[in-house]
Amino acid sequence: MMGVCIRTGATLILDLPQVFWKELVGQKVNLDDFYEIDVRQVNKLRDLLKMDKQTFEMLDCLNWTAPNPDGSEISLK
């Protein structure tokens, strides 16, 4: 689509998140840039960053695994 727009002079509106444009031009990305993509995840990450080490290690609700296509779990820790 971009190529067609360039050749024909048509306008192509790209409503992409700020993090995309920052990466494109080589600017430093921070947590605030992801806020417009996933507010809840950013808030969870901020809460984790505020915790002390002892509290963080006591969390049982964090699942540090990812599903494998064969149905097994892959440990991310």
N, C-alpha and C. Protein backbone atom coordinates (compact mmCIF):
# COMPACT_ATOMS: atom_id res chain seq x y z
N MET A 1 0.82 -1.19 0.00
CA MET A 1 0.00 0.00 0.00
C MET A 1 0.87 1.26 0.00
N MET A 2 1.95 1.19 0.78
CA MET A 2 2.82 2.37 0.85
C MET A 2 3.42 2.68 -0.52
N GLY A 3 3.82 1.64 -1.24
CA GLY A 3 4.39 1.84 -2.56
C GLY A 3 3.41 2.47 -3.52
N VAL A 4 2.16 2.01 -3.50
CA VAL A 4 1.12 2.57 -4.36
C VAL A 4 0.89 4.03 -4.02
N CYS A 5 0.84 4.34 -2.75
CA CYS A 5 0.62 5.74 -2.32
C CYS A 5 1.78 6.63 -2.75
N ILE A 6 2.99 6.12 -2.67
CA ILE A 6 4.15 6.91 -3.09
C ILE A 6 4.10 7.16 -4.60
N ARG A 7 3.78 6.12 -5.36
CA ARG A 7 3.73 6.26 -6.83
C ARG A 7 2.59 7.15 -7.30
N THR A 8 1.45 7.07 -6.62
CA THR A 8 0.27 7.83 -7.08
C THR A 8 0.12 9.17 -6.39
N GLY A 9 0.89 9.41 -5.33
CA GLY A 9 0.76 10.68 -4.61
C GLY A 9 -0.41 10.70 -3.63
N ALA A 10 -1.04 9.55 -3.42
CA ALA A 10 -2.17 9.46 -2.49
C ALA A 10 -1.66 9.56 -1.06
N THR A 11 -2.51 10.02 -0.19
CA THR A 11 -2.16 10.15 1.22
C THR A 11 -2.48 8.85 1.96
N LEU A 12 -1.54 8.38 2.71
CA LEU A 12 -1.73 7.18 3.53
C LEU A 12 -1.57 7.58 4.99
N ILE A 13 -2.64 7.43 5.73
CA ILE A 13 -2.60 7.79 7.15
C ILE A 13 -2.14 6.57 7.94
N LEU A 14 -1.04 6.73 8.64
CA LEU A 14 -0.52 5.65 9.47
C LEU A 14 -0.68 6.05 10.93
N ASP A 15 -1.71 5.51 11.56
CA ASP A 15 -1.97 5.80 12.97
C ASP A 15 -1.31 4.70 13.81
N LEU A 16 -0.02 4.83 13.97
CA LEU A 16 0.76 3.84 14.70
C LEU A 16 1.18 4.41 16.04
N PRO A 17 1.40 3.55 17.04
CA PRO A 17 1.77 4.04 18.38
C PRO A 17 3.11 4.76 18.39
N GLN A 18 3.28 5.60 19.38
CA GLN A 18 4.49 6.40 19.52
C GLN A 18 5.74 5.54 19.59
N VAL A 19 5.63 4.37 20.21
CA VAL A 19 6.79 3.49 20.35
C VAL A 19 7.32 3.06 18.97
N PHE A 20 6.44 2.88 18.01
CA PHE A 20 6.84 2.51 16.66
C PHE A 20 7.69 3.61 16.03
N TRP A 21 7.20 4.84 16.12
CA TRP A 21 7.91 5.96 15.50
C TRP A 21 9.24 6.24 16.19
N LYS A 22 9.28 6.09 17.52
CA LYS A 22 10.53 6.31 18.24
C LYS A 22 11.58 5.29 17.81
N GLU A 23 11.18 4.03 17.67
CA GLU A 23 12.11 2.99 17.22
C GLU A 23 12.58 3.29 15.79
N LEU A 24 11.68 3.77 14.96
CA LEU A 24 12.00 4.06 13.56
C LEU A 24 13.07 5.14 13.43
N VAL A 25 13.01 6.15 14.28
CA VAL A 25 13.98 7.25 14.18
C VAL A 25 15.13 7.12 15.18
N GLY A 26 15.17 6.02 15.93
CA GLY A 26 16.29 5.76 16.82
C GLY A 26 16.23 6.47 18.16
N GLN A 27 15.05 6.94 18.56
CA GLN A 27 14.93 7.58 19.87
C GLN A 27 14.78 6.52 20.96
N LYS A 28 15.15 6.89 22.17
CA LYS A 28 15.06 5.97 23.31
C LYS A 28 13.59 5.76 23.68
N VAL A 29 13.22 4.51 23.88
CA VAL A 29 11.85 4.13 24.25
C VAL A 29 11.80 3.92 25.75
N ASN A 30 10.72 4.38 26.39
CA ASN A 30 10.55 4.14 27.82
C ASN A 30 9.17 3.54 28.08
N LEU A 31 8.89 3.23 29.31
CA LEU A 31 7.65 2.56 29.68
C LEU A 31 6.42 3.39 29.32
N ASP A 32 6.51 4.71 29.41
CA ASP A 32 5.39 5.57 29.06
C ASP A 32 4.97 5.42 27.60
N ASP A 33 5.89 5.07 26.73
CA ASP A 33 5.57 4.91 25.31
C ASP A 33 4.66 3.72 25.07
N PHE A 34 4.68 2.73 25.94
CA PHE A 34 3.83 1.56 25.79
C PHE A 34 2.44 1.76 26.40
N TYR A 35 2.24 2.86 27.09
CA TYR A 35 0.98 3.13 27.78
C TYR A 35 -0.20 3.15 26.81
N GLU A 36 -0.01 3.72 25.62
CA GLU A 36 -1.12 3.79 24.67
C GLU A 36 -1.42 2.44 24.02
N ILE A 37 -0.53 1.47 24.18
CA ILE A 37 -0.76 0.15 23.61
C ILE A 37 -1.50 -0.75 24.60
N ASP A 38 -1.03 -0.78 25.86
CA ASP A 38 -1.61 -1.67 26.86
C ASP A 38 -1.50 -1.03 28.25
N VAL A 39 -2.51 -0.28 28.63
CA VAL A 39 -2.52 0.47 29.89
C VAL A 39 -2.40 -0.47 31.08
N ARG A 40 -3.15 -1.55 31.08
CA ARG A 40 -3.14 -2.47 32.22
C ARG A 40 -1.78 -3.11 32.43
N GLN A 41 -1.13 -3.51 31.35
CA GLN A 41 0.18 -4.15 31.48
C GLN A 41 1.22 -3.17 32.00
N VAL A 42 1.16 -1.93 31.51
CA VAL A 42 2.10 -0.91 31.99
C VAL A 42 1.88 -0.65 33.48
N ASN A 43 0.63 -0.59 33.90
CA ASN A 43 0.35 -0.38 35.33
C ASN A 43 0.87 -1.55 36.17
N LYS A 44 0.72 -2.77 35.67
CA LYS A 44 1.24 -3.94 36.39
C LYS A 44 2.77 -3.88 36.48
N LEU A 45 3.41 -3.50 35.40
CA LEU A 45 4.86 -3.39 35.41
C LEU A 45 5.34 -2.31 36.38
N ARG A 46 4.63 -1.21 36.43
CA ARG A 46 4.98 -0.14 37.38
C ARG A 46 4.85 -0.63 38.82
N ASP A 47 3.80 -1.40 39.08
CA ASP A 47 3.63 -1.95 40.43
C ASP A 47 4.79 -2.89 40.77
N LEU A 48 5.20 -3.72 39.82
CA LEU A 48 6.32 -4.63 40.06
C LEU A 48 7.62 -3.87 40.30
N LEU A 49 7.82 -2.79 39.58
CA LEU A 49 9.04 -2.00 39.74
C LEU A 49 9.11 -1.30 41.09
N LYS A 50 7.96 -1.03 41.69
CA LYS A 50 7.91 -0.36 43.00
C LYS A 50 8.18 -1.32 44.16
N MET A 51 8.05 -2.63 43.91
CA MET A 51 8.19 -3.61 44.99
C MET A 51 9.63 -3.77 45.42
N ASP A 52 9.80 -4.10 46.69
CA ASP A 52 11.14 -4.46 47.14
C ASP A 52 11.40 -5.92 46.76
N LYS A 53 12.63 -6.33 46.84
CA LYS A 53 13.03 -7.66 46.38
C LYS A 53 12.31 -8.78 47.13
N GLN A 54 12.16 -8.62 48.44
CA GLN A 54 11.53 -9.66 49.25
C GLN A 54 10.07 -9.86 48.85
N THR A 55 9.34 -8.78 48.67
CA THR A 55 7.94 -8.86 48.27
C THR A 55 7.82 -9.50 46.89
N PHE A 56 8.69 -9.10 45.98
CA PHE A 56 8.67 -9.64 44.63
C PHE A 56 8.89 -11.15 44.63
N GLU A 57 9.83 -11.62 45.42
CA GLU A 57 10.13 -13.05 45.46
C GLU A 57 9.01 -13.86 46.10
N MET A 58 8.17 -13.24 46.91
CA MET A 58 7.07 -13.96 47.57
C MET A 58 5.85 -14.08 46.66
N LEU A 59 5.83 -13.41 45.53
CA LEU A 59 4.67 -13.47 44.64
C LEU A 59 4.51 -14.86 44.04
N ASP A 60 3.35 -15.42 44.23
CA ASP A 60 3.04 -16.72 43.63
C ASP A 60 2.19 -16.56 42.37
N CYS A 61 1.67 -15.35 42.15
CA CYS A 61 0.75 -15.15 41.05
C CYS A 61 1.45 -14.93 39.71
N LEU A 62 2.76 -14.75 39.71
CA LEU A 62 3.47 -14.51 38.46
C LEU A 62 3.77 -15.84 37.78
N ASN A 63 3.40 -15.92 36.52
CA ASN A 63 3.63 -17.13 35.74
C ASN A 63 4.73 -16.83 34.73
N TRP A 64 5.91 -17.30 34.98
CA TRP A 64 7.04 -17.03 34.11
C TRP A 64 7.23 -18.16 33.10
N THR A 65 6.15 -18.53 32.42
CA THR A 65 6.20 -19.56 31.40
C THR A 65 5.43 -19.09 30.17
N ALA A 66 5.68 -19.77 29.08
CA ALA A 66 4.95 -19.50 27.84
C ALA A 66 4.52 -20.84 27.26
N PRO A 67 3.37 -20.86 26.59
CA PRO A 67 2.93 -22.14 26.01
C PRO A 67 3.75 -22.50 24.77
N ASN A 68 4.07 -23.78 24.67
CA ASN A 68 4.77 -24.32 23.51
C ASN A 68 3.71 -24.85 22.55
N PRO A 69 3.92 -24.84 21.23
CA PRO A 69 2.90 -25.36 20.30
C PRO A 69 2.48 -26.78 20.57
N ASP A 70 3.34 -27.58 21.18
CA ASP A 70 2.96 -28.97 21.49
C ASP A 70 2.15 -29.09 22.77
N GLY A 71 1.83 -27.96 23.42
CA GLY A 71 1.02 -27.98 24.62
C GLY A 71 1.81 -27.92 25.92
N SER A 72 3.11 -28.10 25.86
CA SER A 72 3.93 -28.04 27.07
C SER A 72 4.23 -26.58 27.41
N GLU A 73 4.77 -26.37 28.59
CA GLU A 73 5.12 -25.03 29.05
C GLU A 73 6.63 -24.84 28.97
N ILE A 74 7.04 -23.65 28.54
CA ILE A 74 8.45 -23.29 28.46
C ILE A 74 8.73 -22.30 29.59
N SER A 75 9.71 -22.58 30.40
CA SER A 75 10.06 -21.69 31.50
C SER A 75 10.80 -20.47 30.95
N LEU A 76 10.37 -19.28 31.40
CA LEU A 76 11.00 -18.04 30.98
C LEU A 76 11.96 -17.51 32.03
N LYS A 77 12.04 -18.16 33.15
CA LYS A 77 12.88 -17.70 34.24
C LYS A 77 14.30 -18.15 34.06
